[in-house]
């Protein structure tokens, strides 16, 4: 019963998202000025940086786990 209620609440929340048209005007103005590409490039750079950071942490963690496994 809780799962059904939770699903209904989520569906009602998504219906509210379809009613919002405020962001479309801003996107149209950015697209017409060509600035949307700057926004997209910034987002891509941030995501690539985060992924590189996560992979470097994973690599270091695997190295530490390997060293600790050998010591035991």
PDB file of N, CA and C in Angstrom:
ATOM      1  N   UNK A   1       0.825  -1.192   0.000  1.00  0.00           N
ATOM      2  CA  UNK A   1       0.000   0.000   0.000  1.00  0.00           C
ATOM      3  C   UNK A   1       0.869   1.254   0.000  1.00  0.00           C
ATOM      4  N   UNK A   2       1.977   1.208   0.756  1.00  0.00           N
ATOM      5  CA  UNK A   2       2.867   2.364   0.812  1.00  0.00           C
ATOM      6  C   UNK A   2       3.498   2.642  -0.545  1.00  0.00           C
ATOM      7  N   UNK A   3       3.825   1.567  -1.275  1.00  0.00           N
ATOM      8  CA  UNK A   3       4.438   1.745  -2.587  1.00  0.00           C
ATOM      9  C   UNK A   3       3.470   2.397  -3.566  1.00  0.00           C
ATOM     10  N   UNK A   4       2.208   2.004  -3.496  1.00  0.00           N
ATOM     11  CA  UNK A   4       1.205   2.579  -4.391  1.00  0.00           C
ATOM     12  C   UNK A   4       0.993   4.053  -4.061  1.00  0.00           C
ATOM     13  N   UNK A   5       0.909   4.381  -2.797  1.00  0.00           N
ATOM     14  CA  UNK A   5       0.735   5.759  -2.380  1.00  0.00           C
ATOM     15  C   UNK A   5       1.929   6.613  -2.795  1.00  0.00           C
ATOM     16  N   UNK A   6       3.118   6.088  -2.600  1.00  0.00           N
ATOM     17  CA  UNK A   6       4.329   6.811  -2.981  1.00  0.00           C
ATOM     18  C   UNK A   6       4.373   7.028  -4.494  1.00  0.00           C
ATOM     19  N   UNK A   7       3.968   6.023  -5.272  1.00  0.00           N
ATOM     20  CA  UNK A   7       3.938   6.147  -6.728  1.00  0.00           C
ATOM     21  C   UNK A   7       2.949   7.221  -7.166  1.00  0.00           C
ATOM     22  N   UNK A   8       1.793   7.259  -6.534  1.00  0.00           N
ATOM     23  CA  UNK A   8       0.796   8.280  -6.869  1.00  0.00           C
ATOM     24  C   UNK A   8       1.297   9.682  -6.548  1.00  0.00           C
ATOM     25  N   UNK A   9       1.965   9.828  -5.439  1.00  0.00           N
ATOM     26  CA  UNK A   9       2.511  11.141  -5.067  1.00  0.00           C
ATOM     27  C   UNK A   9       3.558  11.584  -6.078  1.00  0.00           C
ATOM     28  N   UNK A  10       4.410  10.662  -6.499  1.00  0.00           N
ATOM     29  CA  UNK A  10       5.423  11.016  -7.491  1.00  0.00           C
ATOM     30  C   UNK A  10       4.802  11.392  -8.830  1.00  0.00           C
ATOM     31  N   UNK A  11       3.749  10.681  -9.236  1.00  0.00           N
ATOM     32  CA  UNK A  11       3.076  11.010 -10.493  1.00  0.00           C
ATOM     33  C   UNK A  11       2.428  12.384 -10.419  1.00  0.00           C
ATOM     34  N   UNK A  12       1.864  12.727  -9.269  1.00  0.00           N
ATOM     35  CA  UNK A  12       1.256  14.050  -9.116  1.00  0.00           C
ATOM     36  C   UNK A  12       2.323  15.143  -9.165  1.00  0.00           C
ATOM     37  N   UNK A  13       3.488  14.866  -8.626  1.00  0.00           N
ATOM     38  CA  UNK A  13       4.571  15.848  -8.645  1.00  0.00           C
ATOM     39  C   UNK A  13       5.067  16.079 -10.066  1.00  0.00           C
ATOM     40  N   UNK A  14       5.105  15.036 -10.885  1.00  0.00           N
ATOM     41  CA  UNK A  14       5.576  15.214 -12.254  1.00  0.00           C
ATOM     42  C   UNK A  14       4.563  15.972 -13.097  1.00  0.00           C
ATOM     43  N   UNK A  15       3.295  15.886 -12.774  1.00  0.00           N
ATOM     44  CA  UNK A  15       2.297  16.663 -13.507  1.00  0.00           C
ATOM     45  C   UNK A  15       2.518  18.155 -13.318  1.00  0.00           C
ATOM     46  N   UNK A  16       2.972  18.560 -12.157  1.00  0.00           N
ATOM     47  CA  UNK A  16       3.253  19.969 -11.904  1.00  0.00           C
ATOM     48  C   UNK A  16       4.418  20.467 -12.753  1.00  0.00           C
ATOM     49  N   UNK A  17       5.360  19.601 -13.061  1.00  0.00           N
ATOM     50  CA  UNK A  17       6.515  20.010 -13.853  1.00  0.00           C
ATOM     51  C   UNK A  17       6.132  20.338 -15.286  1.00  0.00           C
ATOM     52  N   UNK A  18       5.121  19.681 -15.824  1.00  0.00           N
ATOM     53  CA  UNK A  18       4.700  19.943 -17.188  1.00  0.00           C
ATOM     54  C   UNK A  18       3.997  21.294 -17.328  1.00  0.00           C
ATOM     55  N   UNK A  19       3.503  21.832 -16.249  1.00  0.00           N
ATOM     56  CA  UNK A  19       2.761  23.085 -16.310  1.00  0.00           C
ATOM     57  C   UNK A  19       3.674  24.305 -16.331  1.00  0.00           C
ATOM     58  N   UNK A  20       4.956  24.146 -16.125  1.00  0.00           N
ATOM     59  CA  UNK A  20       5.862  25.281 -16.044  1.00  0.00           C
ATOM     60  C   UNK A  20       6.436  25.597 -17.423  1.00  0.00           C
ATOM     61  N   UNK A  21       6.247  26.824 -17.880  1.00  0.00           N
ATOM     62  CA  UNK A  21       6.789  27.270 -19.158  1.00  0.00           C
ATOM     63  C   UNK A  21       7.795  28.409 -18.983  1.00  0.00           C
ATOM     64  N   UNK A  22       8.226  28.684 -17.770  1.00  0.00           N
ATOM     65  CA  UNK A  22       9.102  29.826 -17.522  1.00  0.00           C
ATOM     66  C   UNK A  22      10.478  29.657 -18.144  1.00  0.00           C
ATOM     67  N   UNK A  23      11.031  28.460 -18.119  1.00  0.00           N
ATOM     68  CA  UNK A  23      12.393  28.238 -18.593  1.00  0.00           C
ATOM     69  C   UNK A  23      12.524  28.263 -20.095  1.00  0.00           C
ATOM     70  N   UNK A  24      11.441  28.131 -20.831  1.00  0.00           N
ATOM     71  CA  UNK A  24      11.514  28.051 -22.288  1.00  0.00           C
ATOM     72  C   UNK A  24      11.928  29.392 -22.873  1.00  0.00           C
ATOM     73  N   UNK A  25      11.442  30.488 -22.341  1.00  0.00           N
ATOM     74  CA  UNK A  25      11.803  31.811 -22.851  1.00  0.00           C
ATOM     75  C   UNK A  25      13.285  32.076 -22.674  1.00  0.00           C
ATOM     76  N   UNK A  26      13.834  31.676 -21.533  1.00  0.00           N
ATOM     77  CA  UNK A  26      15.251  31.882 -21.297  1.00  0.00           C
ATOM     78  C   UNK A  26      16.082  31.041 -22.261  1.00  0.00           C
ATOM     79  N   UNK A  27      15.677  29.803 -22.473  1.00  0.00           N
ATOM     80  CA  UNK A  27      16.408  28.931 -23.388  1.00  0.00           C
ATOM     81  C   UNK A  27      16.330  29.467 -24.810  1.00  0.00           C
ATOM     82  N   UNK A  28      15.186  30.019 -25.206  1.00  0.00           N
ATOM     83  CA  UNK A  28      15.054  30.584 -26.548  1.00  0.00           C
ATOM     84  C   UNK A  28      15.964  31.788 -26.737  1.00  0.00           C
ATOM     85  N   UNK A  29      16.047  32.635 -25.707  1.00  0.00           N
ATOM     86  CA  UNK A  29      16.914  33.805 -25.835  1.00  0.00           C
ATOM     87  C   UNK A  29      18.381  33.400 -25.863  1.00  0.00           C
ATOM     88  N   UNK A  30      18.760  32.415 -25.058  1.00  0.00           N
ATOM     89  CA  UNK A  30      20.149  31.937 -25.095  1.00  0.00           C
ATOM     90  C   UNK A  30      20.461  31.289 -26.443  1.00  0.00           C
ATOM     91  N   UNK A  31      19.503  30.548 -26.969  1.00  0.00           N
ATOM     92  CA  UNK A  31      19.710  29.880 -28.255  1.00  0.00           C
ATOM     93  C   UNK A  31      19.813  30.900 -29.384  1.00  0.00           C
ATOM     94  N   UNK A  32      19.008  31.952 -29.340  1.00  0.00           N
ATOM     95  CA  UNK A  32      19.032  32.946 -30.409  1.00  0.00           C
ATOM     96  C   UNK A  32      20.321  33.762 -30.385  1.00  0.00           C
ATOM     97  N   UNK A  33      20.889  33.972 -29.204  1.00  0.00           N
ATOM     98  CA  UNK A  33      22.148  34.712 -29.088  1.00  0.00           C
ATOM     99  C   UNK A  33      23.357  33.823 -29.288  1.00  0.00           C
ATOM    100  N   UNK A  34      23.170  32.513 -29.321  1.00  0.00           N
ATOM    101  CA  UNK A  34      24.295  31.595 -29.473  1.00  0.00           C
ATOM    102  C   UNK A  34      25.001  31.307 -28.165  1.00  0.00           C
ATOM    103  N   UNK A  35      24.459  31.785 -27.057  1.00  0.00           N
ATOM    104  CA  UNK A  35      25.100  31.584 -25.757  1.00  0.00           C
ATOM    105  C   UNK A  35      24.784  30.218 -25.158  1.00  0.00           C
ATOM    106  N   UNK A  36      23.823  29.503 -25.738  1.00  0.00           N
ATOM    107  CA  UNK A  36      23.466  28.184 -25.208  1.00  0.00           C
ATOM    108  C   UNK A  36      24.649  27.232 -25.332  1.00  0.00           C
ATOM    109  N   UNK A  37      25.462  27.450 -26.363  1.00  0.00           N
ATOM    110  CA  UNK A  37      26.636  26.593 -26.554  1.00  0.00           C
ATOM    111  C   UNK A  37      27.656  26.800 -25.444  1.00  0.00           C
ATOM    112  N   UNK A  38      27.767  28.023 -24.953  1.00  0.00           N
ATOM    113  CA  UNK A  38      28.672  28.304 -23.833  1.00  0.00           C
ATOM    114  C   UNK A  38      28.190  27.572 -22.585  1.00  0.00           C
ATOM    115  N   UNK A  39      26.899  27.581 -22.366  1.00  0.00           N
ATOM    116  CA  UNK A  39      26.326  26.888 -21.208  1.00  0.00           C
ATOM    117  C   UNK A  39      26.572  25.387 -21.312  1.00  0.00           C
ATOM    118  N   UNK A  40      26.339  24.833 -22.493  1.00  0.00           N
ATOM    119  CA  UNK A  40      26.540  23.402 -22.696  1.00  0.00           C
ATOM    120  C   UNK A  40      28.008  23.028 -22.524  1.00  0.00           C
ATOM    121  N   UNK A  41      28.908  23.833 -23.047  1.00  0.00           N
ATOM    122  CA  UNK A  41      30.340  23.557 -22.899  1.00  0.00           C
ATOM    123  C   UNK A  41      30.752  23.609 -21.435  1.00  0.00           C
ATOM    124  N   UNK A  42      30.238  24.577 -20.684  1.00  0.00           N
ATOM    125  CA  UNK A  42      30.557  24.660 -19.252  1.00  0.00           C
ATOM    126  C   UNK A  42      30.068  23.423 -18.503  1.00  0.00           C
ATOM    127  N   UNK A  43      28.871  22.975 -18.811  1.00  0.00           N
ATOM    128  CA  UNK A  43      28.337  21.781 -18.153  1.00  0.00           C
ATOM    129  C   UNK A  43      29.172  20.564 -18.494  1.00  0.00           C
ATOM    130  N   UNK A  44      29.566  20.438 -19.760  1.00  0.00           N
ATOM    131  CA  UNK A  44      30.396  19.292 -20.183  1.00  0.00           C
ATOM    132  C   UNK A  44      31.747  19.321 -19.490  1.00  0.00           C
ATOM    133  N   UNK A  45      32.357  20.497 -19.382  1.00  0.00           N
ATOM    134  CA  UNK A  45      33.661  20.612 -18.717  1.00  0.00           C
ATOM    135  C   UNK A  45      33.549  20.217 -17.251  1.00  0.00           C
ATOM    136  N   UNK A  46      32.501  20.663 -16.588  1.00  0.00           N
ATOM    137  CA  UNK A  46      32.311  20.311 -15.180  1.00  0.00           C
ATOM    138  C   UNK A  46      32.116  18.811 -15.013  1.00  0.00           C
ATOM    139  N   UNK A  47      31.292  18.204 -15.865  1.00  0.00           N
ATOM    140  CA  UNK A  47      31.060  16.759 -15.770  1.00  0.00           C
ATOM    141  C   UNK A  47      32.319  15.953 -16.071  1.00  0.00           C
ATOM    142  N   UNK A  48      33.091  16.372 -17.067  1.00  0.00           N
ATOM    143  CA  UNK A  48      34.338  15.666 -17.382  1.00  0.00           C
ATOM    144  C   UNK A  48      35.314  15.792 -16.218  1.00  0.00           C
ATOM    145  N   UNK A  49      35.385  16.958 -15.606  1.00  0.00           N
ATOM    146  CA  UNK A  49      36.255  17.134 -14.444  1.00  0.00           C
ATOM    147  C   UNK A  49      35.837  16.249 -13.280  1.00  0.00           C
ATOM    148  N   UNK A  50      34.548  16.175 -13.024  1.00  0.00           N
ATOM    149  CA  UNK A  50      34.058  15.307 -11.941  1.00  0.00           C
ATOM    150  C   UNK A  50      34.355  13.839 -12.230  1.00  0.00           C
ATOM    151  N   UNK A  51      34.146  13.416 -13.465  1.00  0.00           N
ATOM    152  CA  UNK A  51      34.429  12.020 -13.819  1.00  0.00           C
ATOM    153  C   UNK A  51      35.919  11.706 -13.691  1.00  0.00           C
ATOM    154  N   UNK A  52      36.769  12.624 -14.140  1.00  0.00           N
ATOM    155  CA  UNK A  52      38.211  12.411 -14.014  1.00  0.00           C
ATOM    156  C   UNK A  52      38.607  12.310 -12.546  1.00  0.00           C
ATOM    157  N   UNK A  53      38.041  13.168 -11.715  1.00  0.00           N
ATOM    158  CA  UNK A  53      38.328  13.135 -10.289  1.00  0.00           C
ATOM    159  C   UNK A  53      37.883  11.817  -9.664  1.00  0.00           C
ATOM    160  N   UNK A  54      36.685  11.355 -10.027  1.00  0.00           N
ATOM    161  CA  UNK A  54      36.184  10.091  -9.485  1.00  0.00           C
ATOM    162  C   UNK A  54      37.045   8.912  -9.923  1.00  0.00           C
ATOM    163  N   UNK A  55      37.469   8.901 -11.176  1.00  0.00           N
ATOM    164  CA  UNK A  55      38.324   7.812 -11.649  1.00  0.00           C
ATOM    165  C   UNK A  55      39.680   7.827 -10.955  1.00  0.00           C
ATOM    166  N   UNK A  56      40.221   9.028 -10.687  1.00  0.00           N
ATOM    167  CA  UNK A  56      41.503   9.091  -9.991  1.00  0.00           C
ATOM    168  C   UNK A  56      41.367   8.602  -8.553  1.00  0.00           C
ATOM    169  N   UNK A  57      40.273   8.949  -7.892  1.00  0.00           N
ATOM    170  CA  UNK A  57      40.034   8.457  -6.528  1.00  0.00           C
ATOM    171  C   UNK A  57      39.875   6.941  -6.540  1.00  0.00           C
ATOM    172  N   UNK A  58      39.170   6.408  -7.533  1.00  0.00           N
ATOM    173  CA  UNK A  58      38.983   4.965  -7.634  1.00  0.00           C
ATOM    174  C   UNK A  58      40.319   4.258  -7.842  1.00  0.00           C
ATOM    175  N   UNK A  59      41.157   4.828  -8.669  1.00  0.00           N
ATOM    176  CA  UNK A  59      42.479   4.242  -8.926  1.00  0.00           C
ATOM    177  C   UNK A  59      43.327   4.219  -7.651  1.00  0.00           C
ATOM    178  N   UNK A  60      43.317   5.323  -6.907  1.00  0.00           N
ATOM    179  CA  UNK A  60      44.075   5.390  -5.654  1.00  0.00           C
ATOM    180  C   UNK A  60      43.519   4.413  -4.625  1.00  0.00           C
ATOM    181  N   UNK A  61      42.197   4.298  -4.574  1.00  0.00           N
ATOM    182  CA  UNK A  61      41.566   3.393  -3.623  1.00  0.00           C
ATOM    183  C   UNK A  61      41.909   1.940  -3.937  1.00  0.00           C
ATOM    184  N   UNK A  62      41.903   1.576  -5.209  1.00  0.00           N
ATOM    185  CA  UNK A  62      42.281   0.217  -5.592  1.00  0.00           C
ATOM    186  C   UNK A  62      43.723  -0.078  -5.212  1.00  0.00           C
ATOM    187  N   UNK A  63      44.591   0.915  -5.365  1.00  0.00           N
ATOM    188  CA  UNK A  63      45.998   0.738  -5.006  1.00  0.00           C
ATOM    189  C   UNK A  63      46.136   0.510  -3.501  1.00  0.00           C
ATOM    190  N   UNK A  64      45.417   1.287  -2.704  1.00  0.00           N
ATOM    191  CA  UNK A  64      45.477   1.144  -1.245  1.00  0.00           C
ATOM    192  C   UNK A  64      44.905  -0.207  -0.820  1.00  0.00           C
ATOM    193  N   UNK A  65      43.786  -0.618  -1.437  1.00  0.00           N
ATOM    194  CA  UNK A  65      43.202  -1.915  -1.102  1.00  0.00           C
ATOM    195  C   UNK A  65      44.151  -3.054  -1.458  1.00  0.00           C
ATOM    196  N   UNK A  66      44.837  -2.925  -2.565  1.00  0.00           N
ATOM    197  CA  UNK A  66      45.791  -3.951  -2.986  1.00  0.00           C
ATOM    198  C   UNK A  66      46.952  -4.043  -1.998  1.00  0.00           C
ATOM    199  N   UNK A  67      47.446  -2.888  -1.550  1.00  0.00           N
ATOM    200  CA  UNK A  67      48.556  -2.880  -0.584  1.00  0.00           C
ATOM    201  C   UNK A  67      48.122  -3.483   0.746  1.00  0.00           C
ATOM    202  N   UNK A  68      46.924  -3.180   1.199  1.00  0.00           N
ATOM    203  CA  UNK A  68      46.432  -3.726   2.476  1.00  0.00           C
ATOM    204  C   UNK A  68      46.158  -5.213   2.371  1.00  0.00           C
ATOM    205  N   UNK A  69      45.744  -5.681   1.237  1.00  0.00           N
ATOM    206  CA  UNK A  69      45.449  -7.114   1.056  1.00  0.00           C
ATOM    207  C   UNK A  69      46.747  -7.912   1.079  1.00  0.00           C
ATOM    208  N   UNK A  70      47.808  -7.382   0.537  1.00  0.00           N
ATOM    209  CA  UNK A  70      49.094  -8.088   0.506  1.00  0.00           C
ATOM    210  C   UNK A  70      49.693  -8.159   1.911  1.00  0.00           C
ATOM    211  N   UNK A  71      49.524  -7.096   2.712  1.00  0.00           N
ATOM    212  CA  UNK A  71      50.110  -7.046   4.049  1.00  0.00           C
ATOM    213  C   UNK A  71      49.502  -8.084   4.986  1.00  0.00           C
ATOM    214  N   UNK A  72      48.267  -8.463   4.805  1.00  0.00           N
ATOM    215  CA  UNK A  72      47.605  -9.378   5.731  1.00  0.00           C
ATOM    216  C   UNK A  72      48.029 -10.745   5.471  1.00  0.00           C
TER     217      UNK A  72
END
